[in-house]
C-alpha atoms as a PDB file:
ATOM      1  CA  MET A   1       0.081   0.169  -0.250  1.00  0.00           C
ATOM      2  CA  SER A   2       2.580   2.125   1.038  1.00  0.00           C
ATOM      3  CA  THR A   3       4.784   2.374  -2.267  1.00  0.00           C
ATOM      4  CA  HIS A   4       1.404   2.425  -3.934  1.00  0.00           C
ATOM      5  CA  LEU A   5       0.758   5.894  -2.355  1.00  0.00           C
ATOM      6  CA  THR A   6       4.424   6.641  -2.971  1.00  0.00           C
ATOM      7  CA  ALA A   7       4.614   5.788  -6.382  1.00  0.00           C
ATOM      8  CA  THR A   8       1.222   8.521  -6.964  1.00  0.00           C
ATOM      9  CA  VAL A   9       2.546  11.013  -5.012  1.00  0.00           C
ATOM     10  CA  TYR A  10       5.912  11.395  -7.309  1.00  0.00           C
ATOM     11  CA  TRP A  11       3.942  11.337 -10.109  1.00  0.00           C
ATOM     12  CA  SER A  12       1.306  13.648  -9.015  1.00  0.00           C
ATOM     13  CA  GLY A  13       4.246  16.090  -8.292  1.00  0.00           C
ATOM     14  CA  MET A  14       6.068  15.333 -11.845  1.00  0.00           C
ATOM     15  CA  LEU A  15       3.122  16.261 -13.153  1.00  0.00           C
ATOM     16  CA  VAL A  16       2.960  19.938 -10.951  1.00  0.00           C
ATOM     17  CA  LEU A  17       6.530  20.006 -12.113  1.00  0.00           C
ATOM     18  CA  PHE A  18       5.934  20.021 -15.983  1.00  0.00           C
ATOM     19  CA  PHE A  19       3.035  21.911 -15.761  1.00  0.00           C
ATOM     20  CA  PHE A  20       4.960  24.649 -14.728  1.00  0.00           C
ATOM     21  CA  TRP A  21       8.270  23.976 -16.853  1.00  0.00           C
ATOM     22  CA  ALA A  22       5.655  23.809 -19.546  1.00  0.00           C
ATOM     23  CA  TYR A  23       4.407  26.936 -18.437  1.00  0.00           C
ATOM     24  CA  GLY A  24       7.273  28.764 -18.678  1.00  0.00           C
ATOM     25  CA  ILE A  25       8.322  27.496 -22.096  1.00  0.00           C
ATOM     26  CA  GLY A  26       5.824  28.616 -23.211  1.00  0.00           C
ATOM     27  CA  SER A  27       5.781  31.932 -21.673  1.00  0.00           C
ATOM     28  CA  PHE A  28       8.875  32.735 -22.282  1.00  0.00           C
ATOM     29  CA  VAL A  29       8.268  32.047 -26.407  1.00  0.00           C
ATOM     30  CA  LEU A  30       5.228  34.231 -25.704  1.00  0.00           C
ATOM     31  CA  ASP A  31       7.211  36.943 -24.356  1.00  0.00           C
ATOM     32  CA  LEU A  32       9.960  36.189 -27.679  1.00  0.00           C
ATOM     33  CA  LYS A  33       7.004  37.244 -29.926  1.00  0.00           C
ATOM     34  CA  ASN A  34       6.125  39.840 -28.351  1.00  0.00           C
ATOM     35  CA  LYS A  35       7.503  41.693 -26.540  1.00  0.00           C
ATOM     36  CA  ILE A  36      11.517  41.560 -27.323  1.00  0.00           C
ATOM     37  CA  ILE A  37      11.790  40.476 -31.046  1.00  0.00           C
ATOM     38  CA  PRO A  38      10.166  43.530 -31.229  1.00  0.00           C
ATOM     39  CA  GLY A  39      11.429  45.658 -29.406  1.00  0.00           C
ATOM     40  CA  LEU A  40      15.300  44.943 -30.700  1.00  0.00           C
ATOM     41  CA  ILE A  41      13.491  45.447 -34.172  1.00  0.00           C
ATOM     42  CA  GLN A  42      12.690  49.084 -32.861  1.00  0.00           C
ATOM     43  CA  TYR A  43      16.136  48.715 -31.455  1.00  0.00           C
ATOM     44  CA  ARG A  44      17.953  48.795 -34.537  1.00  0.00           C
ATOM     45  CA  ARG A  45      15.506  51.051 -36.760  1.00  0.00           C
ATOM     46  CA  GLY A  46      16.171  53.880 -34.248  1.00  0.00           C
ATOM     47  CA  ARG A  47      20.134  53.021 -34.591  1.00  0.00           C
ATOM     48  CA  ARG A  48      19.700  53.135 -38.854  1.00  0.00           C
ATOM     49  CA  ALA A  49      17.678  56.131 -37.992  1.00  0.00           C
ATOM     50  CA  GLU A  50      20.330  57.815 -35.956  1.00  0.00           C
ATOM     51  CA  LYS A  51      23.240  56.328 -38.690  1.00  0.00           C
ATOM     52  CA  ALA A  52      21.499  57.908 -41.483  1.00  0.00           C
ATOM     53  CA  GLU A  53      20.839  61.770 -39.114  1.00  0.00           C
ATOM     54  CA  GLN A  54      24.016  61.401 -38.751  1.00  0.00           C
ATOM     55  CA  GLN A  55      25.064  60.913 -42.103  1.00  0.00           C
ATOM     56  CA  ARG A  56      23.161  64.002 -43.545  1.00  0.00           C
ATOM     57  CA  GLU A  57      24.617  66.167 -40.984  1.00  0.00           C
ATOM     58  CA  ASP A  58      28.104  65.712 -42.068  1.00  0.00           C
ATOM     59  CA  GLU A  59      27.188  65.627 -45.372  1.00  0.00           C
ATOM     60  CA  ARG A  60      25.753  69.060 -44.878  1.00  0.00           C
ATOM     61  CA  GLU A  61      28.508  70.011 -42.635  1.00  0.00           C
ATOM     62  CA  GLU A  62      30.640  69.076 -45.291  1.00  0.00           C
ATOM     63  CA  ARG A  63      29.331  71.362 -47.943  1.00  0.00           C
ATOM     64  CA  GLU A  64      29.339  74.408 -45.820  1.00  0.00           C
ATOM     65  CA  GLN A  65      32.827  74.005 -45.211  1.00  0.00           C
ATOM     66  CA  GLN A  66      32.828  74.078 -49.208  1.00  0.00           C
ATOM     67  CA  LEU A  67      30.881  77.040 -49.199  1.00  0.00           C
ATOM     68  CA  TYR A  68      33.571  79.281 -46.888  1.00  0.00           C
END
């Protein structure tokens, strides 16, 4: 009787732990999809825009220097 109860408690505990493990993986995947990847894309766009703005500013300054 004791071994049956021990096995039931063991497998019940494993089932609970598996549920939280699977939930954690699912949450991580959804965070990647909805927060991390869009954040990285937005960050890269911002860096690209800053670089383009800096390049335009440098070209403008160069043209001003050539005028004088």
